[in-house]
Protein backbone atom coordinates (compact mmCIF):
# COMPACT_ATOMS: atom_id res chain seq x y z
CA MET A 1 52.27 58.46 124.50
CA LYS A 2 50.72 61.83 124.03
CA LYS A 3 53.61 63.77 125.07
CA ALA A 4 55.88 61.56 122.76
CA LEU A 5 53.52 62.42 119.55
CA ILE A 6 53.85 66.17 120.31
CA LEU A 7 57.65 65.56 120.73
CA PHE A 8 57.55 63.86 117.22
CA LEU A 9 55.62 66.55 115.57
CA ALA A 10 57.59 69.22 116.77
CA ILE A 11 60.75 67.56 115.42
CA LEU A 12 59.19 67.35 111.96
CA ILE A 13 58.13 70.95 111.77
CA ILE A 14 61.23 72.72 113.00
CA PRO A 15 63.39 73.45 110.04
CA ILE A 16 66.95 71.74 110.08
CA SER A 17 69.32 74.26 110.68
CA GLY A 18 72.08 74.99 108.00
CA SER A 19 73.34 77.76 105.64
CA SER A 20 73.90 78.04 101.98
CA GLN A 21 75.66 80.46 99.95
CA GLU A 22 75.01 81.43 96.36
CA ILE A 23 77.46 83.26 93.93
CA GLU A 24 75.44 84.17 90.87
CA ASN A 25 75.93 85.83 87.38
CA LEU A 26 79.63 84.78 87.24
CA ASP A 27 81.53 85.04 83.87
CA TYR A 28 84.09 82.28 84.55
CA ILE A 29 85.05 79.50 87.31
CA SER A 30 88.56 78.27 87.16
CA PRO A 31 89.83 74.75 87.95
CA PHE A 32 91.17 74.58 91.55
CA HIS A 33 94.95 75.20 92.09
CA GLU A 34 96.32 74.58 95.71
CA ASP A 35 92.68 73.92 96.76
CA LEU A 36 91.59 77.58 95.48
CA ALA A 37 89.74 78.62 92.64
CA ALA A 38 89.37 81.85 90.91
CA ILE A 39 85.93 83.37 90.11
CA LYS A 40 85.45 86.23 87.63
CA LYS A 41 82.59 88.62 87.67
CA GLU A 42 82.21 91.92 85.97
CA GLY A 43 86.01 92.25 85.42
CA GLN A 44 86.86 91.37 88.94
CA TRP A 45 88.14 87.89 90.41
CA GLU A 46 88.01 86.41 93.78
CA PHE A 47 89.00 83.01 95.18
CA ILE A 48 86.95 80.18 96.79
CA ASN A 49 88.16 76.99 98.65
CA THR A 50 87.01 73.54 97.87
CA ILE A 51 83.67 74.01 99.68
CA GLY A 52 82.65 77.04 98.20
CA GLU A 53 83.60 79.49 100.88
CA ILE A 54 84.87 82.81 99.75
CA ILE A 55 88.58 83.10 100.62
CA ILE A 56 89.46 86.38 98.88
CA ASP A 57 86.70 88.70 97.86
CA PHE A 58 86.20 90.37 94.41
CA ARG A 59 89.23 92.58 93.48
CA ASP A 60 90.62 94.21 90.45
CA ASP A 61 94.39 93.86 90.85
CA LEU A 62 94.92 89.98 90.59
CA VAL A 63 97.06 89.17 87.65
CA VAL A 64 96.20 86.17 85.23
CA THR A 65 98.24 83.30 84.37
CA SER A 66 97.89 81.40 81.17
CA VAL A 67 96.76 78.01 81.86
CA GLY A 68 96.29 76.22 78.42
CA ASP A 69 94.08 78.68 76.20
CA ILE A 70 92.55 80.05 79.43
CA ASN A 71 93.74 83.03 81.67
CA TYR A 72 92.87 83.38 85.26
CA PRO A 73 94.69 84.03 88.61
CA ILE A 74 96.10 81.22 90.54
CA PHE A 75 97.95 80.74 93.49
CA SER A 76 101.39 79.10 93.32
CA GLU A 77 103.20 78.21 96.75
CA ASP A 78 100.81 80.37 98.57
CA ARG A 79 101.53 83.58 96.51
CA CYS A 80 99.39 85.15 93.91
CA LEU A 81 100.57 88.15 91.54
CA ILE A 82 99.21 91.49 91.81
CA GLU A 83 99.36 94.57 89.69
CA GLU A 84 99.32 98.08 90.72
CA GLN A 85 99.61 101.37 88.31
CA LYS A 86 101.81 104.27 89.46
CA ASP A 87 102.16 107.04 86.87
CA ASP A 88 100.50 104.60 84.23
CA ILE A 89 103.23 101.96 84.60
CA SER A 90 102.59 98.56 85.96
CA TYR A 91 104.23 97.26 88.90
CA PHE A 92 103.88 93.74 90.20
CA GLY A 93 103.89 92.12 93.85
CA TYR A 94 102.37 89.29 95.41
CA ILE A 95 99.65 88.65 98.18
CA ASP A 96 99.09 85.57 100.13
CA THR A 97 96.01 83.27 100.53
CA SER A 98 94.37 85.76 103.14
CA GLY A 99 94.75 88.29 100.55
CA LYS A 100 97.59 90.40 102.57
CA THR A 101 99.98 91.91 100.34
CA VAL A 102 103.47 90.16 101.32
CA ILE A 103 105.70 91.59 98.67
CA GLU A 104 104.79 95.12 97.65
CA PRO A 105 104.26 95.85 94.01
CA GLN A 106 107.61 96.85 92.85
CA PHE A 107 108.98 94.75 89.81
CA LEU A 108 108.22 95.68 86.24
CA ASN A 109 107.38 92.20 85.67
CA ALA A 110 107.26 89.12 87.80
CA ALA A 111 106.19 85.46 87.41
CA ASN A 112 104.49 82.87 89.57
CA PHE A 113 106.61 81.10 92.43
CA ASN A 114 108.33 77.90 91.69
CA GLU A 115 110.47 75.71 94.07
CA GLU A 116 110.24 78.76 96.46
CA ARG A 117 111.48 81.18 93.93
CA ALA A 118 110.20 83.33 91.30
CA LEU A 119 111.82 85.31 88.15
CA ALA A 120 111.11 89.17 88.46
CA LEU A 121 112.26 92.30 86.71
CA LYS A 122 113.90 94.55 89.59
CA LEU A 123 114.06 98.26 88.81
CA ILE A 124 117.25 100.11 89.67
CA LYS A 125 117.34 104.15 89.84
CA ASP A 126 120.90 105.45 89.12
CA VAL A 127 121.63 109.14 89.86
CA VAL A 128 124.29 110.22 87.57
CA ALA A 129 124.51 114.06 88.10
CA LYS A 130 122.66 117.09 89.19
CA ASN A 131 121.12 119.87 87.40
CA GLU A 132 122.27 122.89 89.56
CA ALA A 133 120.04 125.13 87.48
CA LEU A 134 116.84 123.22 88.03
CA GLU A 135 117.95 121.73 91.19
CA LYS A 136 117.00 118.05 90.05
CA ASN A 137 118.81 115.01 89.91
CA VAL A 138 119.75 113.60 86.71
CA VAL A 139 118.72 110.11 86.81
CA TYR A 140 118.74 106.76 84.76
CA TYR A 141 116.62 103.66 85.17
CA LYS A 142 117.55 100.10 84.20
CA TYR A 143 115.93 96.66 85.27
CA HIS A 144 117.39 93.44 86.02
CA GLU A 145 116.06 89.86 85.65
CA VAL A 146 116.40 88.44 88.99
CA VAL A 147 115.50 85.72 90.97
CA ILE A 148 113.66 86.54 94.14
CA ASP A 149 112.77 84.35 97.55
CA LYS A 150 109.30 84.54 99.01
CA ASN A 151 109.96 87.57 100.79
CA GLY A 152 110.71 89.47 97.25
CA GLU A 153 114.17 89.80 98.15
CA ALA A 154 116.61 89.42 94.96
CA LYS A 155 119.05 86.45 95.58
CA ASN A 156 120.57 86.28 92.30
CA TYR A 157 120.95 88.79 89.37
CA LEU A 158 120.75 86.89 85.97
CA ASN A 159 121.79 89.97 83.87
CA PRO A 160 124.07 91.90 86.13
CA LYS A 161 124.58 94.76 83.33
CA GLY A 162 120.71 95.28 83.36
CA VAL A 163 118.69 96.74 80.59
CA ASN A 164 118.08 100.74 80.20
CA VAL A 165 114.43 101.78 80.32
CA VAL A 166 112.61 105.14 80.19
CA LEU A 167 110.12 105.23 82.68
CA ASP A 168 107.61 107.00 80.81
CA LYS A 169 104.07 105.63 79.97
CA ASP A 170 104.78 106.75 76.29
CA PHE A 171 107.96 104.47 76.09
CA LEU A 172 106.84 101.67 78.79
CA LYS A 173 103.37 101.05 77.53
CA GLU A 174 103.23 97.40 78.62
CA PRO A 175 105.47 95.29 80.99
CA PRO A 176 108.87 94.25 79.70
CA GLN A 177 109.15 90.70 79.15
CA ILE A 178 110.95 88.13 81.28
CA THR A 179 113.52 86.27 78.80
CA ALA A 180 114.78 83.93 81.65
CA LYS A 181 113.51 80.54 82.42
CA GLN A 182 113.86 78.18 85.42
CA ILE A 183 115.33 74.74 84.44
CA SER A 184 115.40 73.25 87.52
CA LYS A 185 115.49 74.27 91.20
CA THR A 186 119.06 75.55 90.86
CA LEU A 187 119.38 75.98 87.05
CA TYR A 188 118.27 79.12 85.04
CA ALA A 189 118.87 79.92 81.44
CA PHE A 190 119.06 83.63 80.27
CA LYS A 191 118.82 84.80 76.59
CA GLY A 192 121.40 87.53 76.21
CA LYS A 193 122.67 89.11 73.06
CA HIS A 194 122.49 87.56 69.62
CA LYS A 195 119.44 85.50 70.92
CA LYS A 196 121.93 83.10 72.78
CA TRP A 197 121.28 81.25 75.82
CA THR A 198 123.37 81.23 79.14
CA LEU A 199 122.92 78.56 81.40
CA ILE A 200 123.37 79.82 85.17
CA ARG A 201 123.54 77.79 88.21
CA ILE A 202 122.62 79.50 91.56
CA ASN A 203 122.93 78.42 95.47
CA ASP A 204 120.41 76.11 96.60
């Protein structure tokens, strides 16, 4: 009886093991998308899962998406947009849910994935001549609105002629707009000259 009482008292005074995690002084907590929520603090974002575990720690390269009247980063089909500055020009790529870069920042603009595809602006460099005196190539840049797969490969060019662009921070102060839109898994609409739409069917 005495041993039983001692054991009972020991159980009462031994703290129940467990762990708790607090993330304080937050500026914003987003709704969940694909079981992940974005948290903002001091200009950076991180992702947590549905039990509050940190999945991706705070970073400043996540791209926000407009959801209603609020902007925050989201995962769509296990991909989240990131942005990298090179010579003061923005390039866009994607990370997966582990935080690993799976598509290097290379597009002048890009959208979230839907039906395993995403719209992006693919930059093309054309060497048109060579300046013999300066021993430098004369190059022009253009971008194409393309449909990419989850590896970042351009599967379809929606505007084959492309759009000429000056790759300089004074001329390209913000990312060019994506004018195409996805209608269904295989249908896309592209706005061309005179603001007229062209309907394009791509291979499934």
